[in-house]
Amino acid sequence: MKVRVKFAKTGAMKFIGHLDIMRYFQKAIRRSNIDIAYSEGYSPHMIMSFAAPLGVGVTSDGEYFDMELRTTESSKVMEGCMNEVMAEGMRIESIRQIPEEKASNAMALVSAADYLVTFREGKELPEGWENRIADFLAQDQIICKKPTKKGEMKEVDIRPWIYQMEVQGGGIFLQLSSGSVRNLKPEMVMGALASFMDTVLDEFALMIHRLEIYADLGDETSRKLVSLKDLGEEIE
């Protein structure tokens, strides 16, 4: 059976890199006695894959990984078993069954993500930044330099990749294109906003929290975003 695990990463755990997060969950799965499946061959490993690696220093309530199980309990029982062995700053939100086919792989499905971006005290944009967002989004193009896989810098128009951007409390809510093809980071959007205002962001000015990750079930003419969690079913 293939299941999808949603987890939150907060507190001091935000400083743990992706490879260490993978190793952490491998150990947590063993401690929780989840009956995970292993690959065959001379060096068997747990069959699991993460949806969208999170940058160091970024917190989240919407992280996902898929794993294959040999036997299973109910979702509630497995969630409880894993949360009993979680370190502070890690919390299992849900475990749901997903289709077995390869097309259901979380990493391949990622198309968008929600973020909440706030400023560290004393590192805010100039006064009145809240009133500039509408003008920023009204631009036909927002050109930024984005690194390619070869390490070169390429100019891209990020405006089509910004699905939503609005003031929320003392910060900014962003819904951005995500995934392997069109991946837009909040830092790039905020840097572009600062440039639009003829200023620059201070180093470490931003606190970024990822809220959710989505698949796009729409077509070429319209988006239909569905959270990765909602693509699975509760195991009774």
Protein backbone atom coordinates (compact mmCIF):
# COMPACT_ATOMS: atom_id res chain seq x y z
CA MET A 1 0.00 0.00 0.00
CA LYS A 2 1.21 3.49 -0.85
CA VAL A 3 0.53 6.28 1.65
CA ARG A 4 1.18 10.01 1.82
CA VAL A 5 2.38 11.61 5.04
CA LYS A 6 1.78 15.29 5.76
CA PHE A 7 3.99 16.85 8.42
CA ALA A 8 4.84 20.21 9.97
CA LYS A 9 8.36 21.50 10.48
CA THR A 10 8.73 24.37 12.95
CA GLY A 11 10.96 25.72 15.71
CA ALA A 12 14.60 24.68 15.75
CA MET A 13 13.91 21.97 13.16
CA LYS A 14 13.76 24.69 10.50
CA PHE A 15 17.58 24.75 10.55
CA ILE A 16 17.85 21.06 9.58
CA GLY A 17 18.67 20.47 5.90
CA HIS A 18 16.75 18.19 3.56
CA LEU A 19 19.15 15.22 3.66
CA ASP A 20 19.11 15.23 7.44
CA ILE A 21 15.31 15.42 7.40
CA MET A 22 15.26 12.29 5.23
CA ARG A 23 17.57 10.47 7.65
CA TYR A 24 15.49 11.71 10.59
CA PHE A 25 12.31 10.17 9.16
CA GLN A 26 14.04 6.90 8.35
CA LYS A 27 14.96 6.57 12.03
CA ALA A 28 11.53 7.77 13.20
CA ILE A 29 9.78 5.17 11.02
CA ARG A 30 11.89 2.41 12.56
CA ARG A 31 11.20 3.64 16.10
CA SER A 32 7.44 3.87 15.43
CA ASN A 33 7.35 0.28 14.06
CA ILE A 34 5.69 1.38 10.80
CA ASP A 35 5.95 -1.63 8.46
CA ILE A 36 7.57 0.19 5.55
CA ALA A 37 8.59 -1.66 2.39
CA TYR A 38 12.24 -1.90 1.31
CA SER A 39 13.80 -2.06 -2.12
CA GLU A 40 15.43 -5.28 -3.29
CA GLY A 41 19.10 -5.89 -4.07
CA TYR A 42 22.37 -5.74 -2.17
CA SER A 43 21.64 -2.41 -0.51
CA PRO A 44 17.93 -2.30 0.39
CA HIS A 45 16.49 1.07 1.38
CA MET A 46 13.12 2.34 2.52
CA ILE A 47 10.80 3.11 -0.39
CA MET A 48 9.93 6.75 0.26
CA SER A 49 10.15 10.05 -1.61
CA PHE A 50 9.65 13.67 -0.56
CA ALA A 51 7.42 16.12 -2.45
CA ALA A 52 9.33 19.42 -2.39
CA PRO A 53 12.48 19.90 -0.30
CA LEU A 54 12.29 22.88 2.04
CA GLY A 55 15.11 25.41 2.30
CA VAL A 56 17.07 25.71 5.55
CA GLY A 57 15.49 28.30 7.84
CA VAL A 58 11.99 27.94 6.36
CA THR A 59 9.16 26.63 8.55
CA SER A 60 6.11 24.79 7.25
CA ASP A 61 2.73 23.29 8.07
CA GLY A 62 2.47 21.57 4.69
CA GLU A 63 5.31 19.13 3.99
CA TYR A 64 4.79 15.73 2.37
CA PHE A 65 6.47 12.44 1.64
CA ASP A 66 5.18 9.20 0.13
CA MET A 67 6.10 5.74 1.37
CA GLU A 68 5.15 2.17 0.56
CA LEU A 69 3.96 -0.09 3.37
CA ARG A 70 3.90 -3.89 3.55
CA THR A 71 1.11 -3.89 6.15
CA THR A 72 -0.89 -1.03 7.57
CA GLU A 73 -2.96 0.13 10.52
CA SER A 74 -5.60 2.86 10.42
CA SER A 75 -4.49 6.42 9.64
CA LYS A 76 -5.15 7.52 13.23
CA VAL A 77 -3.11 4.68 14.73
CA MET A 78 -0.12 5.31 12.45
CA GLU A 79 -0.27 9.06 13.03
CA GLY A 80 -0.25 8.44 16.79
CA CYS A 81 2.65 5.99 16.60
CA MET A 82 4.78 8.42 14.62
CA ASN A 83 3.92 11.47 16.73
CA GLU A 84 5.02 9.57 19.84
CA VAL A 85 8.59 9.48 18.49
CA MET A 86 8.69 12.92 16.85
CA ALA A 87 11.23 15.47 18.09
CA GLU A 88 10.07 18.92 19.15
CA GLY A 89 9.36 20.95 16.03
CA MET A 90 8.14 17.95 14.00
CA ARG A 91 4.50 16.88 13.90
CA ILE A 92 2.62 14.38 11.73
CA GLU A 93 -0.58 15.97 10.41
CA SER A 94 -2.08 13.12 8.40
CA ILE A 95 -1.39 9.76 6.74
CA ARG A 96 -3.59 8.87 3.78
CA GLN A 97 -3.71 6.13 1.20
CA ILE A 98 -2.95 7.19 -2.37
CA PRO A 99 -3.12 5.38 -5.75
CA GLU A 100 -0.30 2.97 -6.55
CA GLU A 101 0.44 4.26 -10.05
CA LYS A 102 3.63 6.20 -10.71
CA ALA A 103 1.69 9.29 -11.81
CA SER A 104 0.52 9.74 -8.21
CA ASN A 105 4.07 10.38 -6.96
CA ALA A 106 4.10 13.50 -4.78
CA MET A 107 7.27 14.95 -6.30
CA ALA A 108 5.84 14.76 -9.82
CA LEU A 109 2.50 16.27 -8.79
CA VAL A 110 3.75 19.49 -7.16
CA SER A 111 2.49 22.53 -9.10
CA ALA A 112 1.93 25.31 -6.56
CA ALA A 113 2.53 26.28 -2.95
CA ASP A 114 1.18 28.78 -0.42
CA TYR A 115 3.50 30.87 1.75
CA LEU A 116 3.21 33.47 4.47
CA VAL A 117 6.11 35.91 4.43
CA THR A 118 6.78 38.26 7.35
CA PHE A 119 9.60 40.68 8.14
CA ARG A 120 12.07 40.54 10.98
CA GLU A 121 11.78 43.50 13.30
CA GLY A 122 13.63 46.49 11.92
CA LYS A 123 14.07 44.94 8.46
CA GLU A 124 10.70 45.85 6.91
CA LEU A 125 10.28 47.41 3.48
CA PRO A 126 9.82 51.21 3.47
CA GLU A 127 6.59 52.54 4.92
CA GLY A 128 3.60 52.15 2.63
CA TRP A 129 4.77 48.90 1.02
CA GLU A 130 1.31 47.41 1.56
CA ASN A 131 -0.14 49.92 -0.92
CA ARG A 132 2.36 49.06 -3.65
CA ILE A 133 1.44 45.41 -4.16
CA ALA A 134 -1.47 46.13 -6.53
CA ASP A 135 0.79 48.27 -8.74
CA PHE A 136 3.50 45.61 -8.57
CA LEU A 137 1.08 42.95 -9.81
CA ALA A 138 -0.36 45.26 -12.47
CA GLN A 139 2.91 45.09 -14.43
CA ASP A 140 2.74 43.19 -17.71
CA GLN A 141 6.08 41.60 -16.92
CA ILE A 142 8.24 41.13 -13.83
CA ILE A 143 11.70 40.26 -15.10
CA CYS A 144 14.13 38.55 -12.73
CA LYS A 145 17.41 36.72 -13.14
CA LYS A 146 17.05 33.06 -12.24
CA PRO A 147 19.89 30.52 -12.08
CA THR A 148 19.70 27.59 -14.51
CA LYS A 149 20.75 24.01 -13.74
CA LYS A 150 24.09 24.83 -15.41
CA GLY A 151 24.68 27.67 -12.96
CA GLU A 152 24.08 30.38 -15.54
CA MET A 153 21.78 33.35 -14.94
CA LYS A 154 18.75 33.62 -17.20
CA GLU A 155 16.18 36.41 -17.39
CA VAL A 156 12.62 35.14 -16.83
CA ASP A 157 9.22 36.76 -16.49
CA ILE A 158 7.92 35.61 -13.10
CA ARG A 159 4.57 37.43 -13.34
CA PRO A 160 2.66 34.39 -14.71
CA TRP A 161 4.04 32.32 -11.83
CA ILE A 162 2.53 34.56 -9.12
CA TYR A 163 -0.99 33.21 -8.65
CA GLN A 164 -1.92 35.27 -5.57
CA MET A 165 -0.22 38.01 -3.58
CA GLU A 166 -1.94 39.99 -0.85
CA VAL A 167 -1.36 41.59 2.52
CA GLN A 168 -2.18 39.30 5.42
CA GLY A 169 -1.71 40.71 8.89
CA GLY A 170 1.74 42.21 9.03
CA GLY A 171 3.02 40.06 6.18
CA ILE A 172 2.28 38.87 2.67
CA PHE A 173 0.40 35.77 1.55
CA LEU A 174 1.79 34.26 -1.65
CA GLN A 175 0.53 31.48 -3.86
CA LEU A 176 3.29 30.64 -6.32
CA SER A 177 4.08 28.17 -9.06
CA SER A 178 6.17 25.33 -7.70
CA GLY A 179 7.68 22.06 -8.89
CA SER A 180 10.49 20.97 -11.18
CA VAL A 181 9.43 22.98 -14.25
CA ARG A 182 8.36 26.42 -12.97
CA ASN A 183 9.59 26.80 -9.41
CA LEU A 184 9.31 30.29 -7.95
CA LYS A 185 10.69 31.03 -4.49
CA PRO A 186 9.17 33.66 -2.19
CA GLU A 187 12.57 35.30 -1.80
CA MET A 188 12.65 36.12 -5.53
CA VAL A 189 9.17 37.67 -5.44
CA MET A 190 10.00 39.77 -2.40
CA GLY A 191 13.29 40.86 -3.95
CA ALA A 192 11.42 41.92 -7.08
CA LEU A 193 8.93 43.88 -4.96
CA ALA A 194 11.77 45.66 -3.19
CA SER A 195 13.38 46.50 -6.54
CA PHE A 196 10.04 47.83 -7.79
CA MET A 197 10.09 50.16 -4.78
CA ASP A 198 13.67 51.26 -5.58
CA THR A 199 15.10 49.62 -2.50
CA VAL A 200 16.75 46.35 -1.46
CA LEU A 201 15.90 43.87 1.25
CA ASP A 202 18.27 43.58 4.17
CA GLU A 203 20.02 40.24 4.57
CA PHE A 204 17.87 37.79 6.57
CA ALA A 205 14.96 40.25 6.46
CA LEU A 206 12.35 37.60 5.65
CA MET A 207 10.70 34.88 7.70
CA ILE A 208 9.07 32.36 5.36
CA HIS A 209 6.44 29.81 6.33
CA ARG A 210 5.06 27.33 3.80
CA LEU A 211 1.37 26.67 4.35
CA GLU A 212 0.43 24.08 1.73
CA ILE A 213 1.52 22.29 -1.45
CA TYR A 214 -0.83 21.64 -4.39
CA ALA A 215 -1.26 19.50 -7.47
CA ASP A 216 -2.93 21.05 -10.53
CA LEU A 217 -5.79 18.94 -11.86
CA GLY A 218 -6.90 21.58 -14.35
CA ASP A 219 -6.18 21.89 -18.06
CA GLU A 220 -4.29 24.31 -20.32
CA THR A 221 -6.94 27.00 -19.90
CA SER A 222 -7.56 26.92 -16.16
CA ARG A 223 -5.95 25.82 -12.92
CA LYS A 224 -7.60 23.48 -10.45
CA LEU A 225 -5.36 23.32 -7.41
CA VAL A 226 -5.89 20.48 -4.94
CA SER A 227 -3.73 19.93 -1.86
CA LEU A 228 -1.63 16.78 -1.90
CA LYS A 229 -3.45 15.70 1.25
CA ASP A 230 -6.83 15.80 -0.47
CA LEU A 231 -5.63 13.43 -3.18
CA GLY A 232 -5.53 10.63 -0.59
CA GLU A 233 -8.12 8.81 1.49
CA GLU A 234 -8.27 8.21 5.23
CA ILE A 235 -7.49 4.60 6.18
CA GLU A 236 -10.11 3.24 8.55
